[in-house]
PDB file of N, CA and C in Angstrom:
ATOM      1  N   MET A   1     196.554  76.907 159.586  1.00  0.00           N
ATOM      2  CA  MET A   1     196.815  78.282 159.193  1.00  0.00           C
ATOM      3  C   MET A   1     195.799  78.660 158.124  1.00  0.00           C
ATOM      4  N   ASP A   2     195.133  79.786 158.310  1.00  0.00           N
ATOM      5  CA  ASP A   2     194.190  80.228 157.289  1.00  0.00           C
ATOM      6  C   ASP A   2     194.925  80.998 156.183  1.00  0.00           C
ATOM      7  N   GLY A   3     194.193  81.344 155.147  1.00  0.00           N
ATOM      8  CA  GLY A   3     194.820  81.984 153.990  1.00  0.00           C
ATOM      9  C   GLY A   3     195.432  83.341 154.280  1.00  0.00           C
ATOM     10  N   LEU A   4     194.752  84.150 155.117  1.00  0.00           N
ATOM     11  CA  LEU A   4     195.289  85.478 155.424  1.00  0.00           C
ATOM     12  C   LEU A   4     196.574  85.366 156.232  1.00  0.00           C
ATOM     13  N   THR A   5     196.600  84.447 157.184  1.00  0.00           N
ATOM     14  CA  THR A   5     197.814  84.228 157.967  1.00  0.00           C
ATOM     15  C   THR A   5     198.938  83.736 157.065  1.00  0.00           C
ATOM     16  N   CYS A   6     198.601  82.844 156.166  1.00  0.00           N
ATOM     17  CA  CYS A   6     199.595  82.291 155.250  1.00  0.00           C
ATOM     18  C   CYS A   6     200.194  83.373 154.353  1.00  0.00           C
ATOM     19  N   VAL A   7     199.354  84.204 153.763  1.00  0.00           N
ATOM     20  CA  VAL A   7     199.887  85.236 152.866  1.00  0.00           C
ATOM     21  C   VAL A   7     200.694  86.264 153.647  1.00  0.00           C
ATOM     22  N   ARG A   8     200.296  86.562 154.869  1.00  0.00           N
ATOM     23  CA  ARG A   8     201.109  87.468 155.700  1.00  0.00           C
ATOM     24  C   ARG A   8     202.498  86.872 155.934  1.00  0.00           C
ATOM     25  N   GLN A   9     202.549  85.572 156.178  1.00  0.00           N
ATOM     26  CA  GLN A   9     203.837  84.907 156.395  1.00  0.00           C
ATOM     27  C   GLN A   9     204.682  84.918 155.118  1.00  0.00           C
ATOM     28  N   ILE A  10     204.052  84.652 153.993  1.00  0.00           N
ATOM     29  CA  ILE A  10     204.763  84.690 152.711  1.00  0.00           C
ATOM     30  C   ILE A  10     205.354  86.079 152.476  1.00  0.00           C
ATOM     31  N   ARG A  11     204.551  87.119 152.678  1.00  0.00           N
ATOM     32  CA  ARG A  11     205.037  88.486 152.462  1.00  0.00           C
ATOM     33  C   ARG A  11     206.148  88.837 153.450  1.00  0.00           C
ATOM     34  N   ALA A  12     206.067  88.360 154.697  1.00  0.00           N
ATOM     35  CA  ALA A  12     207.133  88.608 155.672  1.00  0.00           C
ATOM     36  C   ALA A  12     208.426  87.942 155.224  1.00  0.00           C
ATOM     37  N   LEU A  13     208.331  86.720 154.716  1.00  0.00           N
ATOM     38  CA  LEU A  13     209.524  86.024 154.225  1.00  0.00           C
ATOM     39  C   LEU A  13     210.123  86.743 153.024  1.00  0.00           C
ATOM     40  N   GLN A  14     209.285  87.316 152.187  1.00  0.00           N
ATOM     41  CA  GLN A  14     209.780  88.100 151.056  1.00  0.00           C
ATOM     42  C   GLN A  14     210.512  89.341 151.558  1.00  0.00           C
ATOM     43  N   ARG A  15     209.930  90.044 152.530  1.00  0.00           N
ATOM     44  CA  ARG A  15     210.567  91.260 153.050  1.00  0.00           C
ATOM     45  C   ARG A  15     211.926  90.962 153.677  1.00  0.00           C
ATOM     46  N   GLU A  16     212.046  89.832 154.358  1.00  0.00           N
ATOM     47  CA  GLU A  16     213.321  89.515 155.009  1.00  0.00           C
ATOM     48  C   GLU A  16     214.323  88.881 154.061  1.00  0.00           C
ATOM     49  N   GLY A  17     213.884  88.551 152.849  1.00  0.00           N
ATOM     50  CA  GLY A  17     214.789  88.012 151.852  1.00  0.00           C
ATOM     51  C   GLY A  17     214.860  86.498 151.792  1.00  0.00           C
ATOM     52  N   SER A  18     214.092  85.802 152.625  1.00  0.00           N
ATOM     53  CA  SER A  18     214.074  84.336 152.561  1.00  0.00           C
ATOM     54  C   SER A  18     213.428  83.846 151.269  1.00  0.00           C
ATOM     55  N   ILE A  19     212.473  84.609 150.778  1.00  0.00           N
ATOM     56  CA  ILE A  19     211.879  84.369 149.458  1.00  0.00           C
ATOM     57  C   ILE A  19     212.311  85.561 148.619  1.00  0.00           C
ATOM     58  N   VAL A  20     213.016  85.291 147.520  1.00  0.00           N
ATOM     59  CA  VAL A  20     213.669  86.384 146.793  1.00  0.00           C
ATOM     60  C   VAL A  20     212.833  86.996 145.671  1.00  0.00           C
ATOM     61  N   SER A  21     211.698  86.407 145.333  1.00  0.00           N
ATOM     62  CA  SER A  21     210.853  87.020 144.318  1.00  0.00           C
ATOM     63  C   SER A  21     209.412  87.032 144.812  1.00  0.00           C
ATOM     64  N   HIS A  22     208.599  87.824 144.159  1.00  0.00           N
ATOM     65  CA  HIS A  22     207.197  87.950 144.554  1.00  0.00           C
ATOM     66  C   HIS A  22     206.447  86.658 144.251  1.00  0.00           C
ATOM     67  N   VAL A  23     205.683  86.177 145.206  1.00  0.00           N
ATOM     68  CA  VAL A  23     204.837  85.005 145.020  1.00  0.00           C
ATOM     69  C   VAL A  23     203.411  85.507 144.804  1.00  0.00           C
ATOM     70  N   PRO A  24     202.871  85.369 143.600  1.00  0.00           N
ATOM     71  CA  PRO A  24     201.497  85.805 143.373  1.00  0.00           C
ATOM     72  C   PRO A  24     200.522  84.906 144.138  1.00  0.00           C
ATOM     73  N   VAL A  25     199.577  85.535 144.846  1.00  0.00           N
ATOM     74  CA  VAL A  25     198.601  84.780 145.625  1.00  0.00           C
ATOM     75  C   VAL A  25     197.216  85.337 145.326  1.00  0.00           C
ATOM     76  N   ILE A  26     196.301  84.441 144.994  1.00  0.00           N
ATOM     77  CA  ILE A  26     194.909  84.791 144.749  1.00  0.00           C
ATOM     78  C   ILE A  26     194.072  84.191 145.867  1.00  0.00           C
ATOM     79  N   ALA A  27     193.296  85.022 146.534  1.00  0.00           N
ATOM     80  CA  ALA A  27     192.356  84.531 147.545  1.00  0.00           C
ATOM     81  C   ALA A  27     191.124  84.008 146.827  1.00  0.00           C
ATOM     82  N   VAL A  28     190.653  82.849 147.234  1.00  0.00           N
ATOM     83  CA  VAL A  28     189.401  82.301 146.729  1.00  0.00           C
ATOM     84  C   VAL A  28     188.485  82.198 147.933  1.00  0.00           C
ATOM     85  N   THR A  29     187.408  82.972 147.927  1.00  0.00           N
ATOM     86  CA  THR A  29     186.559  83.075 149.101  1.00  0.00           C
ATOM     87  C   THR A  29     185.078  83.097 148.739  1.00  0.00           C
ATOM     88  N   ALA A  30     184.273  82.611 149.658  1.00  0.00           N
ATOM     89  CA  ALA A  30     182.824  82.697 149.501  1.00  0.00           C
ATOM     90  C   ALA A  30     182.307  84.021 150.042  1.00  0.00           C
ATOM     91  N   ASN A  31     183.148  84.719 150.783  1.00  0.00           N
ATOM     92  CA  ASN A  31     182.746  85.971 151.399  1.00  0.00           C
ATOM     93  C   ASN A  31     183.056  87.119 150.451  1.00  0.00           C
ATOM     94  N   ALA A  32     182.038  87.589 149.753  1.00  0.00           N
ATOM     95  CA  ALA A  32     182.244  88.576 148.695  1.00  0.00           C
ATOM     96  C   ALA A  32     182.011  90.004 149.162  1.00  0.00           C
ATOM     97  N   ARG A  33     181.870  90.224 150.461  1.00  0.00           N
ATOM     98  CA  ARG A  33     181.663  91.585 150.940  1.00  0.00           C
ATOM     99  C   ARG A  33     182.930  92.407 150.722  1.00  0.00           C
ATOM    100  N   SER A  34     182.743  93.665 150.403  1.00  0.00           N
ATOM    101  CA  SER A  34     183.882  94.517 150.064  1.00  0.00           C
ATOM    102  C   SER A  34     184.878  94.625 151.221  1.00  0.00           C
ATOM    103  N   GLU A  35     184.398  94.574 152.458  1.00  0.00           N
ATOM    104  CA  GLU A  35     185.305  94.652 153.608  1.00  0.00           C
ATOM    105  C   GLU A  35     186.242  93.444 153.656  1.00  0.00           C
ATOM    106  N   GLN A  36     185.709  92.259 153.392  1.00  0.00           N
ATOM    107  CA  GLN A  36     186.537  91.052 153.408  1.00  0.00           C
ATOM    108  C   GLN A  36     187.521  91.047 152.240  1.00  0.00           C
ATOM    109  N   MET A  37     187.071  91.527 151.114  1.00  0.00           N
ATOM    110  CA  MET A  37     187.968  91.588 149.959  1.00  0.00           C
ATOM    111  C   MET A  37     189.092  92.586 150.229  1.00  0.00           C
ATOM    112  N   ALA A  38     188.773  93.707 150.866  1.00  0.00           N
ATOM    113  CA  ALA A  38     189.800  94.696 151.219  1.00  0.00           C
ATOM    114  C   ALA A  38     190.767  94.120 152.248  1.00  0.00           C
ATOM    115  N   SER A  39     190.250  93.363 153.210  1.00  0.00           N
ATOM    116  CA  SER A  39     191.110  92.737 154.222  1.00  0.00           C
ATOM    117  C   SER A  39     192.085  91.760 153.578  1.00  0.00           C
ATOM    118  N   ALA A  40     191.609  91.017 152.595  1.00  0.00           N
ATOM    119  CA  ALA A  40     192.480  90.061 151.905  1.00  0.00           C
ATOM    120  C   ALA A  40     193.604  90.794 151.182  1.00  0.00           C
ATOM    121  N   ARG A  41     193.280  91.878 150.526  1.00  0.00           N
ATOM    122  CA  ARG A  41     194.315  92.646 149.823  1.00  0.00           C
ATOM    123  C   ARG A  41     195.284  93.290 150.805  1.00  0.00           C
ATOM    124  N   GLU A  42     194.772  93.798 151.907  1.00  0.00           N
ATOM    125  CA  GLU A  42     195.636  94.397 152.926  1.00  0.00           C
ATOM    126  C   GLU A  42     196.583  93.364 153.536  1.00  0.00           C
ATOM    127  N   ALA A  43     196.128  92.118 153.620  1.00  0.00           N
ATOM    128  CA  ALA A  43     196.966  91.049 154.165  1.00  0.00           C
ATOM    129  C   ALA A  43     198.079  90.658 153.208  1.00  0.00           C
ATOM    130  N   GLY A  44     197.931  91.018 151.917  1.00  0.00           N
ATOM    131  CA  GLY A  44     198.976  90.709 150.948  1.00  0.00           C
ATOM    132  C   GLY A  44     198.522  89.927 149.733  1.00  0.00           C
ATOM    133  N   MET A  45     197.230  89.636 149.646  1.00  0.00           N
ATOM    134  CA  MET A  45     196.724  88.944 148.465  1.00  0.00           C
ATOM    135  C   MET A  45     196.857  89.870 147.260  1.00  0.00           C
ATOM    136  N   ASP A  46     197.199  89.297 146.131  1.00  0.00           N
ATOM    137  CA  ASP A  46     197.295  90.081 144.899  1.00  0.00           C
ATOM    138  C   ASP A  46     195.935  90.285 144.262  1.00  0.00           C
ATOM    139  N   SER A  47     195.046  89.345 144.502  1.00  0.00           N
ATOM    140  CA  SER A  47     193.736  89.379 143.874  1.00  0.00           C
ATOM    141  C   SER A  47     192.776  88.550 144.716  1.00  0.00           C
ATOM    142  N   VAL A  48     191.480  88.780 144.499  1.00  0.00           N
ATOM    143  CA  VAL A  48     190.452  88.018 145.209  1.00  0.00           C
ATOM    144  C   VAL A  48     189.439  87.537 144.187  1.00  0.00           C
ATOM    145  N   VAL A  49     189.137  86.247 144.217  1.00  0.00           N
ATOM    146  CA  VAL A  49     188.124  85.640 143.359  1.00  0.00           C
ATOM    147  C   VAL A  49     187.067  85.052 144.282  1.00  0.00           C
ATOM    148  N   THR A  50     185.818  85.323 143.979  1.00  0.00           N
ATOM    149  CA  THR A  50     184.747  84.845 144.845  1.00  0.00           C
ATOM    150  C   THR A  50     184.154  83.531 144.337  1.00  0.00           C
ATOM    151  N   LYS A  51     183.729  82.721 145.303  1.00  0.00           N
ATOM    152  CA  LYS A  51     183.043  81.470 144.997  1.00  0.00           C
ATOM    153  C   LYS A  51     181.562  81.776 144.814  1.00  0.00           C
ATOM    154  N   PRO A  52     180.855  81.022 144.027  1.00  0.00           N
ATOM    155  CA  PRO A  52     181.412  79.995 143.141  1.00  0.00           C
ATOM    156  C   PRO A  52     182.089  80.661 141.946  1.00  0.00           C
ATOM    157  N   PHE A  53     183.148  80.049 141.493  1.00  0.00           N
ATOM    158  CA  PHE A  53     183.851  80.580 140.331  1.00  0.00           C
ATOM    159  C   PHE A  53     183.950  79.484 139.288  1.00  0.00           C
ATOM    160  N   ARG A  54     184.223  79.895 138.081  1.00  0.00           N
ATOM    161  CA  ARG A  54     184.414  78.960 136.984  1.00  0.00           C
ATOM    162  C   ARG A  54     185.850  79.101 136.506  1.00  0.00           C
ATOM    163  N   ILE A  55     186.415  78.003 136.102  1.00  0.00           N
ATOM    164  CA  ILE A  55     187.802  77.993 135.629  1.00  0.00           C
ATOM    165  C   ILE A  55     188.021  79.026 134.524  1.00  0.00           C
ATOM    166  N   PRO A  56     187.112  79.169 133.557  1.00  0.00           N
ATOM    167  CA  PRO A  56     187.326  80.195 132.524  1.00  0.00           C
ATOM    168  C   PRO A  56     187.391  81.614 133.087  1.00  0.00           C
ATOM    169  N   GLU A  57     186.842  81.845 134.272  1.00  0.00           N
ATOM    170  CA  GLU A  57     186.937  83.159 134.904  1.00  0.00           C
ATOM    171  C   GLU A  57     188.241  83.291 135.693  1.00  0.00           C
ATOM    172  N   LEU A  58     188.716  82.189 136.248  1.00  0.00           N
ATOM    173  CA  LEU A  58     189.912  82.209 137.082  1.00  0.00           C
ATOM    174  C   LEU A  58     191.198  82.270 136.246  1.00  0.00           C
ATOM    175  N   MET A  59     191.236  81.574 135.142  1.00  0.00           N
ATOM    176  CA  MET A  59     192.456  81.487 134.341  1.00  0.00           C
ATOM    177  C   MET A  59     192.989  82.844 133.872  1.00  0.00           C
ATOM    178  N   PRO A  60     192.147  83.746 133.393  1.00  0.00           N
ATOM    179  CA  PRO A  60     192.691  85.051 132.990  1.00  0.00           C
ATOM    180  C   PRO A  60     193.330  85.804 134.162  1.00  0.00           C
ATOM    181  N   GLU A  61     192.791  85.640 135.353  1.00  0.00           N
ATOM    182  CA  GLU A  61     193.369  86.308 136.517  1.00  0.00           C
ATOM    183  C   GLU A  61     194.726  85.706 136.858  1.00  0.00           C
ATOM    184  N   ILE A  62     194.842  84.395 136.783  1.00  0.00           N
ATOM    185  CA  ILE A  62     196.136  83.733 137.002  1.00  0.00           C
ATOM    186  C   ILE A  62     197.145  84.205 135.962  1.00  0.00           C
ATOM    187  N   GLU A  63     196.739  84.225 134.717  1.00  0.00           N
ATOM    188  CA  GLU A  63     197.634  84.652 133.640  1.00  0.00           C
ATOM    189  C   GLU A  63     198.050  86.112 133.803  1.00  0.00           C
ATOM    190  N   ARG A  64     197.121  86.962 134.226  1.00  0.00           N
ATOM    191  CA  ARG A  64     197.434  88.378 134.436  1.00  0.00           C
ATOM    192  C   ARG A  64     198.511  88.533 135.520  1.00  0.00           C
ATOM    193  N   LEU A  65     198.315  87.836 136.631  1.00  0.00           N
ATOM    194  CA  LEU A  65     199.291  87.939 137.721  1.00  0.00           C
ATOM    195  C   LEU A  65     200.635  87.359 137.329  1.00  0.00           C
ATOM    196  N   MET A  66     200.628  86.248 136.642  1.00  0.00           N
ATOM    197  CA  MET A  66     201.895  85.628 136.234  1.00  0.00           C
ATOM    198  C   MET A  66     202.662  86.545 135.296  1.00  0.00           C
ATOM    199  N   SER A  67     201.955  87.233 134.407  1.00  0.00           N
ATOM    200  CA  SER A  67     202.645  88.120 133.474  1.00  0.00           C
ATOM    201  C   SER A  67     203.226  89.338 134.199  1.00  0.00           C
ATOM    202  N   MET A  68     202.623  89.743 135.295  1.00  0.00           N
ATOM    203  CA  MET A  68     203.124  90.898 136.053  1.00  0.00           C
ATOM    204  C   MET A  68     204.449  90.575 136.756  1.00  0.00           C
ATOM    205  N   TYR A  69     204.669  89.306 137.111  1.00  0.00           N
ATOM    206  CA  TYR A  69     205.813  88.947 137.943  1.00  0.00           C
ATOM    207  C   TYR A  69     206.795  88.034 137.236  1.00  0.00           C
ATOM    208  N   GLU A  70     206.766  87.996 135.919  1.00  0.00           N
ATOM    209  CA  GLU A  70     207.732  87.175 135.173  1.00  0.00           C
ATOM    210  C   GLU A  70     209.074  87.837 135.128  1.00  0.00           C
TER     211      GLU A  70
END
């Protein structure tokens, strides 16, 4: 299962109530074209981080999403 399929499944489980809270998901991709980033968000990703990435760049995004859904 690829990431887009996985996040679609997660969001479907949330809609049906099998998962009762929002699961924050960040796409990590080498494909930085705006169309692919838009597709990831449309599939249900909360955010998209492009490769190569550095942990100091990724951590603030994780913290931002976690604070939104606490």
